[in-house]
């Protein structure tokens, strides 16, 4: 497909695209890009919030690019601090393995398994020596870490931040180095982590990845982001009757947003509904 058409498909519904020029150049080269999504199997169930990102990955697959799904079996044991007001509890290896199997099964409801490379980040993170960890952390400053909104708030409120939480974005960034990601995708709450990936790839002599973020959808309450924690989610594996009931409970103000992000209805048709 013409690179401009590819670009338009990829950009649709995105929030951040850093940088558009980089993406156009790589599409022009007609190279099959490596598109990375890192997921921590901290919970076994996927919901429509996850579907937004997975649908964008499927678009990349349909355009002929290679999706690399990284199961964060190592990083899940640290706990992603994104959007958190306190340190996440660490999971056991057994909990992570069980959740990972469930995650893969559900992700393939959207992704093409034949076009998905699955990697576990314990493959390389378990092998790092303490020297390697120090070397990795030397490429990023504490000041830059504290620019992160959730860290800054906790610091201002005298709430604890563990050193392990500083290590999390560095571990995620190292994943990008190991799989040589051209593009990393995530929700808008992942923007900081994805940008750290660009910096660390440069430090390891790689071309920095393109960062692409997708919107976070509100749950059935119409207010808070969709999350199991808020009990406002529509799970991939809900019973049909329950799924229907939850969808019918969505406030009218969210119908257009859900159509854009969770369906394949064309933009022209969506605009007609929007006008009506």
C-alpha atoms as a PDB file:
ATOM      1  CA  UNK A   1       0.000   0.000   0.000  1.00  0.00           C
ATOM      2  CA  UNK A   2       1.081   3.589  -0.704  1.00  0.00           C
ATOM      3  CA  UNK A   3       2.893   4.926   2.373  1.00  0.00           C
ATOM      4  CA  UNK A   4       0.545   7.917   2.687  1.00  0.00           C
ATOM      5  CA  UNK A   5      -2.477   5.595   2.902  1.00  0.00           C
ATOM      6  CA  UNK A   6      -0.647   3.473   5.463  1.00  0.00           C
ATOM      7  CA  UNK A   7       0.169   6.585   7.462  1.00  0.00           C
ATOM      8  CA  UNK A   8      -3.472   7.718   7.481  1.00  0.00           C
ATOM      9  CA  UNK A   9      -4.641   4.302   8.728  1.00  0.00           C
ATOM     10  CA  UNK A  10      -1.976   4.174  11.429  1.00  0.00           C
ATOM     11  CA  UNK A  11      -2.588   7.731  12.624  1.00  0.00           C
ATOM     12  CA  UNK A  12      -6.375   7.369  12.898  1.00  0.00           C
ATOM     13  CA  UNK A  13      -7.602   7.724  16.502  1.00  0.00           C
ATOM     14  CA  UNK A  14      -4.086   8.136  17.922  1.00  0.00           C
ATOM     15  CA  UNK A  15      -3.229  10.727  20.577  1.00  0.00           C
ATOM     16  CA  UNK A  16       0.580  10.954  20.494  1.00  0.00           C
ATOM     17  CA  UNK A  17       2.711  10.105  17.466  1.00  0.00           C
ATOM     18  CA  UNK A  18       6.382  10.886  18.069  1.00  0.00           C
ATOM     19  CA  UNK A  19       7.439  11.634  15.493  1.00  0.00           C
ATOM     20  CA  UNK A  20       5.214  11.729  12.410  1.00  0.00           C
ATOM     21  CA  UNK A  21       8.226  12.486  10.220  1.00  0.00           C
ATOM     22  CA  UNK A  22      10.080   9.386  11.482  1.00  0.00           C
ATOM     23  CA  UNK A  23       7.079   7.176  10.802  1.00  0.00           C
ATOM     24  CA  UNK A  24       6.675   8.511   7.257  1.00  0.00           C
ATOM     25  CA  UNK A  25      10.373   7.944   6.532  1.00  0.00           C
ATOM     26  CA  UNK A  26      10.242   4.353   7.754  1.00  0.00           C
ATOM     27  CA  UNK A  27       7.052   3.645   5.807  1.00  0.00           C
ATOM     28  CA  UNK A  28       8.648   5.126   2.693  1.00  0.00           C
ATOM     29  CA  UNK A  29      11.543   2.683   3.053  1.00  0.00           C
ATOM     30  CA  UNK A  30       9.018  -0.160   2.552  1.00  0.00           C
ATOM     31  CA  UNK A  31      10.671  -2.000   5.436  1.00  0.00           C
ATOM     32  CA  UNK A  32       8.468  -4.281   7.523  1.00  0.00           C
ATOM     33  CA  UNK A  33       8.407  -2.445  10.837  1.00  0.00           C
ATOM     34  CA  UNK A  34       8.619  -4.155  14.228  1.00  0.00           C
ATOM     35  CA  UNK A  35       5.694  -2.943  16.345  1.00  0.00           C
ATOM     36  CA  UNK A  36       6.099  -3.577  20.066  1.00  0.00           C
ATOM     37  CA  UNK A  37       3.437  -3.870  22.725  1.00  0.00           C
ATOM     38  CA  UNK A  38       4.561  -4.762  26.220  1.00  0.00           C
ATOM     39  CA  UNK A  39       1.923  -6.195  28.535  1.00  0.00           C
ATOM     40  CA  UNK A  40       2.304  -7.115  32.168  1.00  0.00           C
ATOM     41  CA  UNK A  41       0.031 -10.024  33.051  1.00  0.00           C
ATOM     42  CA  UNK A  42      -0.822  -8.529  36.428  1.00  0.00           C
ATOM     43  CA  UNK A  43      -4.466  -9.593  35.964  1.00  0.00           C
ATOM     44  CA  UNK A  44      -5.847 -12.445  33.859  1.00  0.00           C
ATOM     45  CA  UNK A  45      -8.754 -10.660  32.147  1.00  0.00           C
ATOM     46  CA  UNK A  46      -8.702  -8.319  29.156  1.00  0.00           C
ATOM     47  CA  UNK A  47     -11.425  -5.717  28.583  1.00  0.00           C
ATOM     48  CA  UNK A  48     -12.442  -3.202  25.903  1.00  0.00           C
ATOM     49  CA  UNK A  49      -9.785  -0.769  27.136  1.00  0.00           C
ATOM     50  CA  UNK A  50      -7.160  -3.292  26.032  1.00  0.00           C
ATOM     51  CA  UNK A  51      -9.039  -3.845  22.765  1.00  0.00           C
ATOM     52  CA  UNK A  52      -8.322  -0.258  21.674  1.00  0.00           C
ATOM     53  CA  UNK A  53      -4.566  -0.914  21.563  1.00  0.00           C
ATOM     54  CA  UNK A  54      -4.899  -4.457  20.232  1.00  0.00           C
ATOM     55  CA  UNK A  55      -7.068  -3.232  17.322  1.00  0.00           C
ATOM     56  CA  UNK A  56      -4.344  -0.755  16.347  1.00  0.00           C
ATOM     57  CA  UNK A  57      -1.806  -3.587  16.425  1.00  0.00           C
ATOM     58  CA  UNK A  58      -4.065  -5.634  14.153  1.00  0.00           C
ATOM     59  CA  UNK A  59      -4.101  -2.728  11.687  1.00  0.00           C
ATOM     60  CA  UNK A  60      -0.288  -2.845  11.610  1.00  0.00           C
ATOM     61  CA  UNK A  61      -0.474  -6.608  10.960  1.00  0.00           C
ATOM     62  CA  UNK A  62      -2.957  -6.132   8.133  1.00  0.00           C
ATOM     63  CA  UNK A  63      -0.555  -3.608   6.591  1.00  0.00           C
ATOM     64  CA  UNK A  64       2.179  -6.271   6.592  1.00  0.00           C
ATOM     65  CA  UNK A  65       4.195  -5.247   9.645  1.00  0.00           C
ATOM     66  CA  UNK A  66       5.482  -7.495  12.430  1.00  0.00           C
ATOM     67  CA  UNK A  67       3.847  -7.275  15.834  1.00  0.00           C
ATOM     68  CA  UNK A  68       6.023  -8.194  18.812  1.00  0.00           C
ATOM     69  CA  UNK A  69       3.931  -8.931  21.894  1.00  0.00           C
ATOM     70  CA  UNK A  70       6.127  -8.860  24.968  1.00  0.00           C
ATOM     71  CA  UNK A  71       4.707 -10.682  27.957  1.00  0.00           C
ATOM     72  CA  UNK A  72       6.213  -8.892  30.939  1.00  0.00           C
ATOM     73  CA  UNK A  73       6.679 -11.943  33.118  1.00  0.00           C
ATOM     74  CA  UNK A  74       9.688 -10.209  34.711  1.00  0.00           C
ATOM     75  CA  UNK A  75       8.338  -6.635  34.927  1.00  0.00           C
ATOM     76  CA  UNK A  76       4.986  -7.814  36.304  1.00  0.00           C
ATOM     77  CA  UNK A  77       6.907  -8.897  39.374  1.00  0.00           C
ATOM     78  CA  UNK A  78       8.097  -5.291  39.834  1.00  0.00           C
ATOM     79  CA  UNK A  79       4.754  -3.604  39.153  1.00  0.00           C
ATOM     80  CA  UNK A  80       4.154  -0.724  36.729  1.00  0.00           C
ATOM     81  CA  UNK A  81       3.818   2.545  38.727  1.00  0.00           C
ATOM     82  CA  UNK A  82       1.968   4.347  35.895  1.00  0.00           C
ATOM     83  CA  UNK A  83      -0.950   6.328  37.295  1.00  0.00           C
ATOM     84  CA  UNK A  84      -0.468   4.865  40.756  1.00  0.00           C
ATOM     85  CA  UNK A  85      -0.592   6.824  43.994  1.00  0.00           C
ATOM     86  CA  UNK A  86       1.190   4.034  45.853  1.00  0.00           C
ATOM     87  CA  UNK A  87       3.567   1.167  45.160  1.00  0.00           C
ATOM     88  CA  UNK A  88       1.963  -1.871  43.508  1.00  0.00           C
ATOM     89  CA  UNK A  89       2.288  -5.204  45.319  1.00  0.00           C
ATOM     90  CA  UNK A  90       4.722  -7.619  43.656  1.00  0.00           C
ATOM     91  CA  UNK A  91       3.283 -10.787  42.120  1.00  0.00           C
ATOM     92  CA  UNK A  92       4.669 -14.294  42.435  1.00  0.00           C
ATOM     93  CA  UNK A  93       6.143 -16.064  39.419  1.00  0.00           C
ATOM     94  CA  UNK A  94       3.268 -18.581  39.493  1.00  0.00           C
ATOM     95  CA  UNK A  95       0.608 -15.831  39.433  1.00  0.00           C
ATOM     96  CA  UNK A  96       2.317 -14.160  36.483  1.00  0.00           C
ATOM     97  CA  UNK A  97       2.570 -17.423  34.493  1.00  0.00           C
ATOM     98  CA  UNK A  98      -1.136 -18.210  34.955  1.00  0.00           C
ATOM     99  CA  UNK A  99      -2.168 -14.696  33.927  1.00  0.00           C
ATOM    100  CA  UNK A 100       0.163 -14.760  30.904  1.00  0.00           C
ATOM    101  CA  UNK A 101      -1.498 -17.868  29.448  1.00  0.00           C
ATOM    102  CA  UNK A 102      -4.943 -16.279  29.842  1.00  0.00           C
ATOM    103  CA  UNK A 103      -3.696 -13.032  28.287  1.00  0.00           C
ATOM    104  CA  UNK A 104      -2.321 -14.724  25.165  1.00  0.00           C
ATOM    105  CA  UNK A 105      -5.525 -16.683  24.596  1.00  0.00           C
ATOM    106  CA  UNK A 106      -7.643 -13.525  24.810  1.00  0.00           C
ATOM    107  CA  UNK A 107      -5.292 -11.266  22.799  1.00  0.00           C
ATOM    108  CA  UNK A 108      -5.610 -13.630  19.831  1.00  0.00           C
ATOM    109  CA  UNK A 109      -9.313 -12.810  19.628  1.00  0.00           C
ATOM    110  CA  UNK A 110      -8.025  -9.654  17.880  1.00  0.00           C
ATOM    111  CA  UNK A 111      -4.419 -10.322  16.836  1.00  0.00           C
ATOM    112  CA  UNK A 112      -3.444 -12.763  14.098  1.00  0.00           C
ATOM    113  CA  UNK A 113      -1.368 -15.434  15.899  1.00  0.00           C
ATOM    114  CA  UNK A 114       0.454 -16.267  12.657  1.00  0.00           C
ATOM    115  CA  UNK A 115       1.738 -12.688  12.469  1.00  0.00           C
ATOM    116  CA  UNK A 116       2.542 -12.220  16.160  1.00  0.00           C
ATOM    117  CA  UNK A 117       5.975 -12.780  17.675  1.00  0.00           C
ATOM    118  CA  UNK A 118       5.613 -13.523  21.386  1.00  0.00           C
ATOM    119  CA  UNK A 119       8.539 -12.868  23.717  1.00  0.00           C
ATOM    120  CA  UNK A 120       8.873 -13.020  27.500  1.00  0.00           C
ATOM    121  CA  UNK A 121      11.082 -10.295  28.971  1.00  0.00           C
ATOM    122  CA  UNK A 122      12.490 -12.644  31.620  1.00  0.00           C
ATOM    123  CA  UNK A 123      14.457 -14.026  28.642  1.00  0.00           C
ATOM    124  CA  UNK A 124      16.886 -11.099  28.905  1.00  0.00           C
ATOM    125  CA  UNK A 125      16.082  -9.284  32.156  1.00  0.00           C
ATOM    126  CA  UNK A 126      16.722 -12.380  34.296  1.00  0.00           C
ATOM    127  CA  UNK A 127      20.217 -12.566  32.808  1.00  0.00           C
ATOM    128  CA  UNK A 128      21.343  -9.025  33.637  1.00  0.00           C
ATOM    129  CA  UNK A 129      24.126  -8.797  36.197  1.00  0.00           C
ATOM    130  CA  UNK A 130      24.152  -6.066  38.839  1.00  0.00           C
ATOM    131  CA  UNK A 131      26.806  -4.299  36.746  1.00  0.00           C
ATOM    132  CA  UNK A 132      24.462  -4.433  33.731  1.00  0.00           C
ATOM    133  CA  UNK A 133      21.645  -2.895  35.794  1.00  0.00           C
ATOM    134  CA  UNK A 134      23.911  -0.058  36.984  1.00  0.00           C
ATOM    135  CA  UNK A 135      25.051   0.537  33.402  1.00  0.00           C
ATOM    136  CA  UNK A 136      21.433   0.650  32.215  1.00  0.00           C
ATOM    137  CA  UNK A 137      20.360   3.061  34.978  1.00  0.00           C
ATOM    138  CA  UNK A 138      23.316   5.379  34.246  1.00  0.00           C
ATOM    139  CA  UNK A 139      21.562   6.413  31.013  1.00  0.00           C
ATOM    140  CA  UNK A 140      18.711   8.210  32.792  1.00  0.00           C
ATOM    141  CA  UNK A 141      18.645  10.827  35.547  1.00  0.00           C
ATOM    142  CA  UNK A 142      16.591  11.078  38.742  1.00  0.00           C
ATOM    143  CA  UNK A 143      15.532  14.577  37.683  1.00  0.00           C
ATOM    144  CA  UNK A 144      13.995  13.206  34.477  1.00  0.00           C
ATOM    145  CA  UNK A 145      12.242  10.451  36.425  1.00  0.00           C
ATOM    146  CA  UNK A 146      10.695  13.037  38.731  1.00  0.00           C
ATOM    147  CA  UNK A 147       9.229  14.869  35.726  1.00  0.00           C
ATOM    148  CA  UNK A 148       6.768  12.001  35.566  1.00  0.00           C
ATOM    149  CA  UNK A 149       3.410  13.213  36.823  1.00  0.00           C
ATOM    150  CA  UNK A 150       2.587  10.413  39.268  1.00  0.00           C
ATOM    151  CA  UNK A 151       6.102  10.475  40.781  1.00  0.00           C
ATOM    152  CA  UNK A 152       6.000  14.274  41.104  1.00  0.00           C
ATOM    153  CA  UNK A 153       2.660  14.152  42.930  1.00  0.00           C
ATOM    154  CA  UNK A 154       3.813  11.482  45.343  1.00  0.00           C
ATOM    155  CA  UNK A 155       7.024  13.388  46.063  1.00  0.00           C
ATOM    156  CA  UNK A 156       5.058  16.604  46.705  1.00  0.00           C
ATOM    157  CA  UNK A 157       2.755  14.714  49.099  1.00  0.00           C
ATOM    158  CA  UNK A 158       5.658  13.032  50.917  1.00  0.00           C
ATOM    159  CA  UNK A 159       4.416   9.637  49.757  1.00  0.00           C
ATOM    160  CA  UNK A 160       7.017   6.891  49.292  1.00  0.00           C
ATOM    161  CA  UNK A 161       8.508   5.985  45.904  1.00  0.00           C
ATOM    162  CA  UNK A 162      10.586   2.817  45.851  1.00  0.00           C
ATOM    163  CA  UNK A 163      13.792   2.640  43.803  1.00  0.00           C
ATOM    164  CA  UNK A 164      12.310  -0.417  42.050  1.00  0.00           C
ATOM    165  CA  UNK A 165       9.651   1.859  40.554  1.00  0.00           C
ATOM    166  CA  UNK A 166      12.381   3.989  38.963  1.00  0.00           C
ATOM    167  CA  UNK A 167      13.734   0.780  37.466  1.00  0.00           C
ATOM    168  CA  UNK A 168      10.432  -0.168  35.847  1.00  0.00           C
ATOM    169  CA  UNK A 169      10.520   2.283  32.887  1.00  0.00           C
ATOM    170  CA  UNK A 170      14.179   1.379  32.339  1.00  0.00           C
ATOM    171  CA  UNK A 171      13.327  -2.331  32.197  1.00  0.00           C
ATOM    172  CA  UNK A 172      10.522  -1.614  29.718  1.00  0.00           C
ATOM    173  CA  UNK A 173      12.920   0.499  27.653  1.00  0.00           C
ATOM    174  CA  UNK A 174      15.489  -2.306  27.640  1.00  0.00           C
ATOM    175  CA  UNK A 175      12.798  -4.552  26.137  1.00  0.00           C
ATOM    176  CA  UNK A 176      12.731  -2.175  23.167  1.00  0.00           C
ATOM    177  CA  UNK A 177      16.488  -2.544  22.779  1.00  0.00           C
ATOM    178  CA  UNK A 178      16.332  -6.336  22.872  1.00  0.00           C
ATOM    179  CA  UNK A 179      13.585  -6.662  20.242  1.00  0.00           C
ATOM    180  CA  UNK A 180      14.851  -3.694  18.167  1.00  0.00           C
ATOM    181  CA  UNK A 181      11.441  -2.025  18.128  1.00  0.00           C
ATOM    182  CA  UNK A 182      10.644   0.443  15.363  1.00  0.00           C
ATOM    183  CA  UNK A 183       7.370   1.488  16.997  1.00  0.00           C
ATOM    184  CA  UNK A 184       6.076   1.050  20.538  1.00  0.00           C
ATOM    185  CA  UNK A 185       2.375   1.406  21.212  1.00  0.00           C
ATOM    186  CA  UNK A 186       0.429   1.899  24.441  1.00  0.00           C
ATOM    187  CA  UNK A 187      -2.289   3.891  26.168  1.00  0.00           C
ATOM    188  CA  UNK A 188      -1.734   7.563  26.950  1.00  0.00           C
ATOM    189  CA  UNK A 189      -0.779   6.596  30.514  1.00  0.00           C
ATOM    190  CA  UNK A 190       2.284   4.862  29.023  1.00  0.00           C
ATOM    191  CA  UNK A 191       3.707   7.944  27.273  1.00  0.00           C
ATOM    192  CA  UNK A 192       6.515   8.499  29.796  1.00  0.00           C
ATOM    193  CA  UNK A 193       7.654   4.853  29.649  1.00  0.00           C
ATOM    194  CA  UNK A 194       7.591   4.848  25.846  1.00  0.00           C
ATOM    195  CA  UNK A 195       9.690   8.010  25.672  1.00  0.00           C
ATOM    196  CA  UNK A 196      12.253   6.476  28.038  1.00  0.00           C
ATOM    197  CA  UNK A 197      12.487   3.677  25.468  1.00  0.00           C
ATOM    198  CA  UNK A 198      13.590   6.177  22.812  1.00  0.00           C
ATOM    199  CA  UNK A 199      16.340   7.505  25.078  1.00  0.00           C
ATOM    200  CA  UNK A 200      17.651   4.061  26.055  1.00  0.00           C
ATOM    201  CA  UNK A 201      17.653   2.777  22.466  1.00  0.00           C
ATOM    202  CA  UNK A 202      19.820   5.759  21.495  1.00  0.00           C
ATOM    203  CA  UNK A 203      22.180   5.002  24.385  1.00  0.00           C
ATOM    204  CA  UNK A 204      22.559   1.442  23.037  1.00  0.00           C
ATOM    205  CA  UNK A 205      23.257   2.653  19.496  1.00  0.00           C
ATOM    206  CA  UNK A 206      19.811   2.018  17.995  1.00  0.00           C
ATOM    207  CA  UNK A 207      17.487   4.279  16.058  1.00  0.00           C
ATOM    208  CA  UNK A 208      14.913   5.516  18.605  1.00  0.00           C
ATOM    209  CA  UNK A 209      11.488   3.932  18.363  1.00  0.00           C
ATOM    210  CA  UNK A 210       8.427   5.825  17.197  1.00  0.00           C
ATOM    211  CA  UNK A 211       5.998   6.353  20.068  1.00  0.00           C
ATOM    212  CA  UNK A 212       2.288   5.887  19.424  1.00  0.00           C
ATOM    213  CA  UNK A 213      -0.359   6.244  22.118  1.00  0.00           C
ATOM    214  CA  UNK A 214      -4.056   5.408  21.988  1.00  0.00           C
ATOM    215  CA  UNK A 215      -6.908   6.956  24.007  1.00  0.00           C
ATOM    216  CA  UNK A 216      -8.012   5.426  27.290  1.00  0.00           C
ATOM    217  CA  UNK A 217     -11.741   4.795  27.240  1.00  0.00           C
ATOM    218  CA  UNK A 218     -14.062   5.459  30.143  1.00  0.00           C
ATOM    219  CA  UNK A 219     -15.922   2.521  31.620  1.00  0.00           C
ATOM    220  CA  UNK A 220     -19.631   1.828  31.843  1.00  0.00           C
ATOM    221  CA  UNK A 221     -20.024   4.504  34.548  1.00  0.00           C
ATOM    222  CA  UNK A 222     -19.074   7.110  31.913  1.00  0.00           C
ATOM    223  CA  UNK A 223     -16.578   8.767  34.237  1.00  0.00           C
ATOM    224  CA  UNK A 224     -13.590   6.716  35.386  1.00  0.00           C
ATOM    225  CA  UNK A 225     -11.262   4.885  33.005  1.00  0.00           C
ATOM    226  CA  UNK A 226     -12.296   1.300  32.270  1.00  0.00           C
ATOM    227  CA  UNK A 227     -10.681  -0.874  34.913  1.00  0.00           C
ATOM    228  CA  UNK A 228     -11.310  -4.007  36.930  1.00  0.00           C
ATOM    229  CA  UNK A 229     -10.426  -1.941  39.994  1.00  0.00           C
ATOM    230  CA  UNK A 230     -13.428   0.322  39.364  1.00  0.00           C
ATOM    231  CA  UNK A 231     -15.748  -2.557  38.349  1.00  0.00           C
ATOM    232  CA  UNK A 232     -16.800  -0.615  35.230  1.00  0.00           C
ATOM    233  CA  UNK A 233     -15.290  -2.877  32.589  1.00  0.00           C
ATOM    234  CA  UNK A 234     -16.587  -5.035  29.732  1.00  0.00           C
ATOM    235  CA  UNK A 235     -14.386  -8.129  29.638  1.00  0.00           C
ATOM    236  CA  UNK A 236     -13.495 -10.128  26.523  1.00  0.00           C
ATOM    237  CA  UNK A 237     -14.819 -13.240  28.240  1.00  0.00           C
ATOM    238  CA  UNK A 238     -17.982 -11.860  29.811  1.00  0.00           C
ATOM    239  CA  UNK A 239     -21.072 -13.966  29.118  1.00  0.00           C
ATOM    240  CA  UNK A 240     -23.006 -12.555  26.109  1.00  0.00           C
ATOM    241  CA  UNK A 241     -25.998 -11.565  28.254  1.00  0.00           C
ATOM    242  CA  UNK A 242     -23.749  -9.682  30.700  1.00  0.00           C
ATOM    243  CA  UNK A 243     -21.771  -8.060  27.887  1.00  0.00           C
ATOM    244  CA  UNK A 244     -24.982  -6.839  26.236  1.00  0.00           C
ATOM    245  CA  UNK A 245     -26.288  -5.419  29.510  1.00  0.00           C
ATOM    246  CA  UNK A 246     -23.026  -3.588  30.184  1.00  0.00           C
ATOM    247  CA  UNK A 247     -22.925  -2.106  26.681  1.00  0.00           C
ATOM    248  CA  UNK A 248     -26.527  -0.917  27.031  1.00  0.00           C
ATOM    249  CA  UNK A 249     -25.602   0.850  30.281  1.00  0.00           C
ATOM    250  CA  UNK A 250     -22.979   3.067  28.596  1.00  0.00           C
ATOM    251  CA  UNK A 251     -23.983   6.762  28.771  1.00  0.00           C
ATOM    252  CA  UNK A 252     -25.112   8.222  25.430  1.00  0.00           C
ATOM    253  CA  UNK A 253     -22.186  10.657  25.515  1.00  0.00           C
ATOM    254  CA  UNK A 254     -19.770   7.749  25.043  1.00  0.00           C
ATOM    255  CA  UNK A 255     -21.476   6.007  22.128  1.00  0.00           C
ATOM    256  CA  UNK A 256     -19.491   7.814  19.408  1.00  0.00           C
ATOM    257  CA  UNK A 257     -16.186   7.319  21.237  1.00  0.00           C
ATOM    258  CA  UNK A 258     -16.872   3.592  21.622  1.00  0.00           C
ATOM    259  CA  UNK A 259     -17.817   3.350  17.929  1.00  0.00           C
ATOM    260  CA  UNK A 260     -14.535   4.963  16.925  1.00  0.00           C
ATOM    261  CA  UNK A 261     -12.285   2.969  19.220  1.00  0.00           C
ATOM    262  CA  UNK A 262     -13.980  -0.408  19.641  1.00  0.00           C
ATOM    263  CA  UNK A 263     -15.635  -1.108  16.265  1.00  0.00           C
ATOM    264  CA  UNK A 264     -14.745  -1.254  12.571  1.00  0.00           C
ATOM    265  CA  UNK A 265     -17.545   1.121  11.546  1.00  0.00           C
ATOM    266  CA  UNK A 266     -16.224   3.560   8.914  1.00  0.00           C
ATOM    267  CA  UNK A 267     -15.429   7.138   9.868  1.00  0.00           C
ATOM    268  CA  UNK A 268     -17.989   8.459   7.368  1.00  0.00           C
ATOM    269  CA  UNK A 269     -20.756   6.405   8.957  1.00  0.00           C
ATOM    270  CA  UNK A 270     -19.678   7.441  12.455  1.00  0.00           C
ATOM    271  CA  UNK A 271     -19.818  11.104  11.417  1.00  0.00           C
ATOM    272  CA  UNK A 272     -23.390  10.607  10.191  1.00  0.00           C
ATOM    273  CA  UNK A 273     -24.396   9.256  13.605  1.00  0.00           C
ATOM    274  CA  UNK A 274     -22.483  12.068  15.289  1.00  0.00           C
ATOM    275  CA  UNK A 275     -24.377  14.712  13.295  1.00  0.00           C
ATOM    276  CA  UNK A 276     -27.719  13.067  14.104  1.00  0.00           C
END
